[in-house]
Amino acid sequence: MRVWWYIASQYLKTTLSILLFSVSIYFILTYMEDSQHYFDGREVTSKTLFLYYFWQLPAVTIQFMPFTVLIGGIITNWLLAKHGEIAALRAAGLSMMKIAIPLIYVGMFFTAGQFFISEFILPTSSTHFYKIRRVEVEGKKNENVFTESTWLKSKGTVLHFEKYDEQKEELFGIEYFKSENASSLKQIVHANSGYFDENIGNWVLRAAVVTNLDTSSQITKTEIKPLFVTNIDFAPPKVLKQTSDSNQLSYWQLKKIIEDAEMAGTNVSDRIVDLYIKISSPFANLLFVFLTIPFALRKERQEEKYIGIIICLVTALIYCFGNMALRSFAIKGSIHPLFAAWVMNILVALLSYMLIRKLDKGQ
């Protein structure tokens, strides 16, 4: 229907305009703040300054996207109701849900857009941003980026290291324990550094001090080996990429890191929560479309409509801060990560459905 295209185009133009305005204001205010504090005393070229903000654009866009969809929906619905177009469509026998179909399509467009940005653009842009901030702005060296003290586990062995250099892909301050059974150590190995040998698929320790023990845990032999091959057979870049934010990883990359980390016995509860959130968060765009329908198209007095819009905005804020709180609880293990990622979506969906049904019945 032509009227549906008209409604969808109006909603799309309004939302994109608000998104562009919001992102522009954010960068202007951020630059004003950074120029007085963060960049003060640092020699930053115009090119570096441009790239510093350019690579933030995808992350900022998806942060603002759900709320611009909400504001755009309120404005579009209010204008349609003000001009009598909604009343005409309802007089023609169309239900509220049918009238809202073009709005839902636009919400699906922004949902798919956030999925696309999050999966294919954000990992690369975030990596570039962190590199520019750390190296070109703050003047730090890449080789000084470490993952701190972590344990790796394999069958019958445990490897502990103090630092992992992501750039060189090497371990430092290594202790390697090999056990005969659950209560008896067979071998203890100390080494200053180690690397992952791609050919054999295991970690190799350099200048390893190898101490062998008997069944009574008495030392039987100590020797120094130039190279000592462990049975740890997974590469830390897949397991220990902890200096990289989850935003720097696609869904499948993050999923693989979690699987490898769990095999290694590493605690990655925050990664698990972020994995579920990667799927649930884009649906906020669609949910906020439904949220605008019952509040923005009411026929009561003007002041009641304003109250409805305020309730709509407050609900969106509760959704946002509720997700943040639930994520914290999930990381602590108080609730399941899947529940934390989806419960607010479900609640907002149920609230919107009940209000739309009530509006459609003329109550």
Protein backbone atom coordinates (compact mmCIF):
# COMPACT_ATOMS: atom_id res chain seq x y z
CA MET A 1 0.00 0.00 0.00
CA ARG A 2 1.15 3.50 -0.84
CA VAL A 3 0.14 4.79 2.58
CA TRP A 4 2.42 2.23 4.22
CA TRP A 5 5.36 3.42 2.13
CA TYR A 6 4.53 7.00 3.09
CA ILE A 7 4.49 6.16 6.83
CA ALA A 8 7.69 4.10 6.58
CA SER A 9 9.55 6.81 4.65
CA GLN A 10 8.49 9.50 7.12
CA TYR A 11 9.61 7.37 10.04
CA LEU A 12 12.91 6.45 8.38
CA LYS A 13 13.78 10.05 7.48
CA THR A 14 12.88 11.30 10.95
CA THR A 15 14.90 8.62 12.72
CA LEU A 16 17.98 9.02 10.51
CA SER A 17 17.88 12.79 11.00
CA ILE A 18 17.70 12.39 14.79
CA LEU A 19 20.51 9.81 14.69
CA LEU A 20 22.75 12.11 12.65
CA PHE A 21 21.99 15.05 14.96
CA SER A 22 22.59 13.00 18.13
CA VAL A 23 25.89 11.54 16.93
CA SER A 24 27.10 14.99 15.78
CA ILE A 25 26.27 16.60 19.13
CA TYR A 26 27.98 13.72 20.95
CA PHE A 27 31.22 14.15 19.01
CA ILE A 28 31.18 17.93 19.39
CA LEU A 29 30.74 17.70 23.16
CA THR A 30 33.27 14.87 23.42
CA TYR A 31 35.86 16.82 21.46
CA MET A 32 35.33 19.90 23.64
CA GLU A 33 35.92 17.77 26.74
CA ASP A 34 38.88 15.84 25.30
CA SER A 35 40.63 18.97 24.00
CA GLN A 36 40.71 20.43 27.52
CA HIS A 37 41.75 17.28 29.37
CA TYR A 38 42.67 14.17 27.37
CA PHE A 39 44.55 15.81 24.48
CA ASP A 40 46.04 18.55 26.64
CA GLY A 41 49.84 18.24 26.60
CA ARG A 42 49.85 15.59 23.87
CA GLU A 43 51.06 16.17 20.34
CA VAL A 44 48.21 14.90 18.17
CA THR A 45 48.11 15.49 14.41
CA SER A 46 44.95 16.39 12.55
CA LYS A 47 44.96 12.99 10.84
CA THR A 48 45.23 11.15 14.15
CA LEU A 49 42.48 13.31 15.62
CA PHE A 50 40.18 12.56 12.67
CA LEU A 51 40.83 8.81 12.83
CA TYR A 52 40.44 8.83 16.63
CA TYR A 53 36.81 9.94 16.26
CA PHE A 54 36.13 8.27 12.91
CA TRP A 55 36.79 4.79 14.28
CA GLN A 56 34.44 5.51 17.21
CA LEU A 57 31.57 6.20 14.82
CA PRO A 58 30.19 2.60 14.56
CA ALA A 59 30.23 2.10 18.34
CA VAL A 60 28.56 5.45 19.01
CA THR A 61 26.00 4.83 16.26
CA ILE A 62 24.74 1.54 17.69
CA GLN A 63 24.64 3.07 21.18
CA PHE A 64 22.34 5.86 20.01
CA MET A 65 20.37 3.79 17.50
CA PRO A 66 17.65 2.29 19.77
CA PHE A 67 16.90 5.64 21.43
CA THR A 68 16.74 7.50 18.11
CA VAL A 69 14.33 4.80 16.87
CA LEU A 70 12.23 5.50 19.96
CA ILE A 71 12.25 9.30 19.58
CA GLY A 72 11.69 9.02 15.82
CA GLY A 73 8.69 6.76 16.43
CA ILE A 74 7.17 9.16 18.95
CA ILE A 75 7.57 12.14 16.61
CA THR A 76 6.31 10.27 13.54
CA ASN A 77 3.26 8.86 15.34
CA TRP A 78 2.48 12.21 16.92
CA LEU A 79 2.59 13.98 13.53
CA LEU A 80 0.42 11.31 11.88
CA ALA A 81 -2.14 11.55 14.70
CA LYS A 82 -2.05 15.37 14.64
CA HIS A 83 -2.83 15.48 10.90
CA GLY A 84 -5.70 13.01 11.27
CA GLU A 85 -4.06 10.29 9.19
CA ILE A 86 -4.25 7.69 11.94
CA ALA A 87 -7.91 8.47 12.56
CA ALA A 88 -8.67 8.08 8.84
CA LEU A 89 -6.95 4.69 8.69
CA ARG A 90 -8.76 3.44 11.77
CA ALA A 91 -12.05 4.69 10.35
CA ALA A 92 -11.30 2.58 7.29
CA GLY A 93 -11.29 -0.47 9.55
CA LEU A 94 -7.56 -1.00 10.01
CA SER A 95 -6.38 -2.24 13.38
CA MET A 96 -3.54 -0.57 15.23
CA MET A 97 -1.23 -3.47 14.44
CA LYS A 98 -1.92 -3.18 10.70
CA ILE A 99 -1.30 0.57 10.82
CA ALA A 100 1.96 -0.12 12.63
CA ILE A 101 3.27 -2.55 9.97
CA PRO A 102 5.43 0.08 8.17
CA LEU A 103 6.82 1.20 11.54
CA ILE A 104 7.68 -2.41 12.36
CA TYR A 105 9.48 -2.79 9.02
CA VAL A 106 11.61 0.25 9.82
CA GLY A 107 12.33 -1.19 13.27
CA MET A 108 13.41 -4.45 11.61
CA PHE A 109 15.65 -2.44 9.28
CA PHE A 110 17.45 -0.80 12.21
CA THR A 111 17.63 -4.14 14.04
CA ALA A 112 19.30 -5.76 11.03
CA GLY A 113 21.53 -2.69 10.66
CA GLN A 114 22.75 -2.97 14.24
CA PHE A 115 23.41 -6.70 13.75
CA PHE A 116 25.45 -5.92 10.63
CA ILE A 117 27.47 -3.12 12.25
CA SER A 118 28.09 -5.15 15.40
CA GLU A 119 29.21 -8.26 13.51
CA PHE A 120 31.13 -6.93 10.52
CA ILE A 121 32.17 -3.32 11.18
CA LEU A 122 32.51 -2.80 14.93
CA PRO A 123 35.24 -5.44 15.55
CA THR A 124 37.56 -3.77 13.02
CA SER A 125 36.71 -0.18 13.96
CA SER A 126 37.15 -0.85 17.70
CA THR A 127 40.54 -2.46 17.12
CA HIS A 128 41.69 0.55 15.08
CA PHE A 129 40.35 2.95 17.71
CA TYR A 130 42.11 1.25 20.64
CA LYS A 131 45.35 1.08 18.67
CA ILE A 132 45.23 4.80 17.80
CA ARG A 133 44.37 5.76 21.39
CA ARG A 134 47.06 3.56 22.93
CA VAL A 135 49.89 4.02 20.43
CA GLU A 136 49.43 7.31 18.55
CA VAL A 137 47.72 9.38 21.25
CA GLU A 138 49.07 7.96 24.52
CA GLY A 139 52.43 6.95 23.02
CA LYS A 140 52.45 3.42 24.43
CA LYS A 141 54.19 0.52 22.72
CA ASN A 142 52.22 -2.42 21.39
CA GLU A 143 54.63 -4.92 22.87
CA ASN A 144 53.82 -3.71 26.37
CA VAL A 145 50.25 -4.95 26.19
CA PHE A 146 49.94 -8.01 28.42
CA THR A 147 47.33 -10.41 29.65
CA GLU A 148 48.05 -10.88 33.35
CA SER A 149 48.45 -14.04 35.42
CA THR A 150 46.33 -16.92 34.10
CA TRP A 151 46.13 -20.70 34.44
CA LEU A 152 45.90 -23.11 31.52
CA LYS A 153 44.81 -26.71 32.01
CA SER A 154 45.15 -29.87 29.99
CA LYS A 155 44.95 -33.61 30.77
CA GLY A 156 47.16 -34.28 33.77
CA THR A 157 48.92 -30.91 33.56
CA VAL A 158 48.53 -27.31 34.64
CA LEU A 159 50.44 -24.33 33.28
CA HIS A 160 50.59 -21.02 35.10
CA PHE A 161 52.11 -17.87 33.63
CA GLU A 162 52.54 -14.31 34.87
CA LYS A 163 52.20 -12.47 31.58
CA TYR A 164 51.17 -13.07 27.99
CA ASP A 165 52.38 -10.73 25.25
CA GLU A 166 49.64 -10.54 22.61
CA GLN A 167 51.92 -8.98 20.01
CA LYS A 168 54.76 -11.54 20.29
CA GLU A 169 52.37 -14.35 21.30
CA GLU A 170 54.69 -15.44 24.08
CA LEU A 171 54.29 -16.41 27.74
CA PHE A 172 56.50 -15.14 30.58
CA GLY A 173 57.10 -16.35 34.14
CA ILE A 174 55.96 -19.92 33.52
CA GLU A 175 55.32 -22.76 35.96
CA TYR A 176 54.30 -26.13 34.53
CA PHE A 177 52.99 -28.99 36.70
CA LYS A 178 52.52 -32.58 35.59
CA SER A 179 50.72 -34.98 37.88
CA GLU A 180 50.66 -38.78 38.08
CA ASN A 181 47.21 -38.70 39.67
CA ALA A 182 45.02 -36.26 41.56
CA SER A 183 47.27 -36.27 44.65
CA SER A 184 50.78 -36.85 43.31
CA LEU A 185 53.04 -34.54 41.28
CA LYS A 186 55.37 -36.15 38.77
CA GLN A 187 57.15 -33.14 37.31
CA ILE A 188 57.59 -29.41 37.94
CA VAL A 189 59.00 -27.14 35.23
CA HIS A 190 60.04 -23.49 35.51
CA ALA A 191 60.82 -21.28 32.53
CA ASN A 192 61.17 -17.57 31.90
CA SER A 193 59.37 -17.69 28.54
CA GLY A 194 57.58 -19.90 26.05
CA TYR A 195 56.01 -19.83 22.60
CA PHE A 196 53.37 -21.73 20.68
CA ASP A 197 54.82 -24.00 17.99
CA GLU A 198 52.38 -24.05 15.08
CA ASN A 199 54.02 -27.14 13.57
CA ILE A 200 53.44 -29.44 16.54
CA GLY A 201 50.49 -27.53 17.98
CA ASN A 202 51.85 -27.26 21.53
CA TRP A 203 53.46 -24.72 23.83
CA VAL A 204 57.24 -24.95 24.04
CA LEU A 205 59.18 -23.57 27.03
CA ARG A 206 62.65 -22.05 26.66
CA ALA A 207 65.56 -22.81 29.04
CA ALA A 208 63.29 -24.93 31.19
CA VAL A 209 64.38 -26.14 34.61
CA VAL A 210 62.80 -29.60 34.86
CA THR A 211 62.39 -31.21 38.28
CA ASN A 212 61.25 -34.84 38.40
CA LEU A 213 59.59 -36.29 41.50
CA ASP A 214 58.96 -39.81 42.70
CA THR A 215 55.72 -41.18 44.14
CA SER A 216 56.58 -39.77 47.57
CA SER A 217 57.15 -36.28 46.08
CA GLN A 218 60.91 -36.51 46.57
CA ILE A 219 63.18 -34.95 43.96
CA THR A 220 64.85 -37.60 41.81
CA LYS A 221 66.41 -35.50 39.07
CA THR A 222 66.79 -31.86 38.03
CA GLU A 223 67.94 -30.84 34.58
CA ILE A 224 67.90 -27.84 32.26
CA LYS A 225 66.45 -28.31 28.79
CA PRO A 226 66.88 -25.66 26.05
CA LEU A 227 63.39 -26.49 24.81
CA PHE A 228 60.65 -28.32 26.70
CA VAL A 229 57.45 -29.37 24.93
CA THR A 230 54.26 -29.26 27.01
CA ASN A 231 50.96 -30.96 26.25
CA ILE A 232 49.06 -27.64 26.29
CA ASP A 233 47.68 -27.64 22.76
CA PHE A 234 45.58 -24.48 22.39
CA ALA A 235 46.92 -21.10 21.33
CA PRO A 236 46.36 -18.18 23.76
CA PRO A 237 45.36 -15.72 21.04
CA LYS A 238 42.17 -17.78 20.92
CA VAL A 239 41.93 -18.12 24.68
CA LEU A 240 43.50 -15.13 26.37
CA LYS A 241 42.53 -12.11 24.31
CA GLN A 242 41.50 -10.29 27.47
CA THR A 243 42.95 -6.90 26.54
CA SER A 244 40.50 -6.90 23.61
CA ASP A 245 37.01 -5.71 24.41
CA SER A 246 34.13 -7.98 23.36
CA ASN A 247 33.13 -5.26 20.89
CA GLN A 248 36.34 -5.99 18.99
CA LEU A 249 35.15 -9.51 18.28
CA SER A 250 32.40 -10.88 16.09
CA TYR A 251 29.85 -13.31 17.50
CA TRP A 252 31.68 -16.35 16.13
CA GLN A 253 35.09 -15.10 17.25
CA LEU A 254 33.77 -14.47 20.74
CA LYS A 255 32.07 -17.87 20.81
CA LYS A 256 35.32 -19.60 19.82
CA ILE A 257 37.27 -17.71 22.50
CA ILE A 258 34.75 -18.80 25.14
CA GLU A 259 34.93 -22.44 24.06
CA ASP A 260 38.74 -22.48 24.13
CA ALA A 261 38.87 -20.58 27.42
CA GLU A 262 36.50 -23.05 29.10
CA MET A 263 38.72 -25.91 27.91
CA ALA A 264 41.66 -24.10 29.48
CA GLY A 265 39.81 -23.58 32.76
CA THR A 266 39.78 -19.77 32.38
CA ASN A 267 36.90 -17.78 33.91
CA VAL A 268 35.17 -15.89 31.10
CA SER A 269 31.76 -15.20 32.64
CA ASP A 270 31.82 -11.65 31.30
CA ARG A 271 32.47 -12.96 27.78
CA ILE A 272 29.53 -15.36 28.03
CA VAL A 273 27.18 -12.54 29.02
CA ASP A 274 28.49 -10.37 26.17
CA LEU A 275 27.90 -13.24 23.72
CA TYR A 276 24.20 -13.38 24.58
CA ILE A 277 23.93 -9.58 24.58
CA LYS A 278 25.33 -9.47 21.04
CA ILE A 279 22.16 -11.26 19.94
CA SER A 280 19.61 -9.62 22.25
CA SER A 281 20.64 -5.95 22.17
CA PRO A 282 19.80 -5.18 18.50
CA PHE A 283 16.18 -6.20 19.16
CA ALA A 284 15.84 -3.06 21.30
CA ASN A 285 15.22 -1.19 18.03
CA LEU A 286 12.18 -3.32 17.24
CA LEU A 287 10.91 -3.30 20.81
CA PHE A 288 11.08 0.47 21.02
CA VAL A 289 8.94 0.71 17.88
CA PHE A 290 6.19 -1.26 19.64
CA LEU A 291 6.69 0.87 22.73
CA THR A 292 5.88 4.09 20.86
CA ILE A 293 2.57 2.86 19.43
CA PRO A 294 0.38 2.79 22.58
CA PHE A 295 1.80 6.00 24.07
CA ALA A 296 2.16 8.20 21.01
CA LEU A 297 -1.20 7.47 19.39
CA ARG A 298 -3.55 7.95 22.31
CA LYS A 299 -6.65 10.12 21.85
CA GLU A 300 -6.93 11.49 25.35
CA ARG A 301 -6.27 15.06 26.40
CA GLN A 302 -2.98 16.65 25.37
CA GLU A 303 -1.50 16.52 28.86
CA GLU A 304 -2.25 12.78 29.08
CA LYS A 305 -0.44 12.24 25.81
CA TYR A 306 2.61 14.01 27.21
CA ILE A 307 2.45 11.76 30.27
CA GLY A 308 2.35 8.76 27.96
CA ILE A 309 5.45 9.96 26.11
CA ILE A 310 7.28 10.50 29.40
CA ILE A 311 6.34 6.98 30.49
CA CYS A 312 7.65 5.72 27.16
CA LEU A 313 11.02 7.42 27.69
CA VAL A 314 11.24 6.28 31.32
CA THR A 315 10.53 2.70 30.25
CA ALA A 316 13.38 2.93 27.74
CA LEU A 317 15.75 4.19 30.45
CA ILE A 318 14.68 1.38 32.78
CA TYR A 319 15.38 -1.04 29.92
CA CYS A 320 18.88 0.37 29.49
CA PHE A 321 19.90 0.51 33.16
CA GLY A 322 18.12 -2.77 33.86
CA ASN A 323 20.28 -4.52 31.26
CA MET A 324 23.41 -3.03 32.82
CA ALA A 325 22.42 -4.26 36.28
CA LEU A 326 21.47 -7.71 35.01
CA ARG A 327 24.81 -8.01 33.21
CA SER A 328 26.62 -7.31 36.49
CA PHE A 329 24.58 -9.96 38.30
CA ALA A 330 25.26 -12.48 35.52
CA ILE A 331 29.02 -11.86 35.64
CA LYS A 332 28.96 -12.52 39.39
CA GLY A 333 27.07 -15.76 38.74
CA SER A 334 23.90 -14.66 40.54
CA ILE A 335 21.71 -15.24 37.45
CA HIS A 336 22.07 -17.14 34.18
CA PRO A 337 23.63 -15.07 31.33
CA LEU A 338 20.81 -16.03 28.93
CA PHE A 339 18.21 -14.75 31.40
CA ALA A 340 20.17 -11.53 31.92
CA ALA A 341 20.38 -10.86 28.19
CA TRP A 342 16.73 -11.43 27.34
CA VAL A 343 14.55 -10.70 30.38
CA MET A 344 14.25 -6.94 29.73
CA ASN A 345 13.41 -7.60 26.08
CA ILE A 346 10.65 -9.97 27.10
CA LEU A 347 9.22 -7.56 29.68
CA VAL A 348 9.14 -4.62 27.26
CA ALA A 349 7.58 -6.83 24.56
CA LEU A 350 4.83 -8.00 26.94
CA LEU A 351 4.15 -4.46 28.16
CA SER A 352 3.89 -3.13 24.61
CA TYR A 353 1.61 -5.97 23.51
CA MET A 354 -0.82 -5.45 26.41
CA LEU A 355 -0.99 -1.69 25.83
CA ILE A 356 -1.52 -2.08 22.08
CA ARG A 357 -4.30 -4.61 22.68
CA LYS A 358 -5.92 -2.25 25.14
CA LEU A 359 -5.68 0.65 22.68
CA ASP A 360 -7.08 -1.46 19.85
CA LYS A 361 -10.16 -2.30 21.92
CA GLY A 362 -10.78 1.40 22.42
CA GLN A 363 -10.23 1.33 26.18
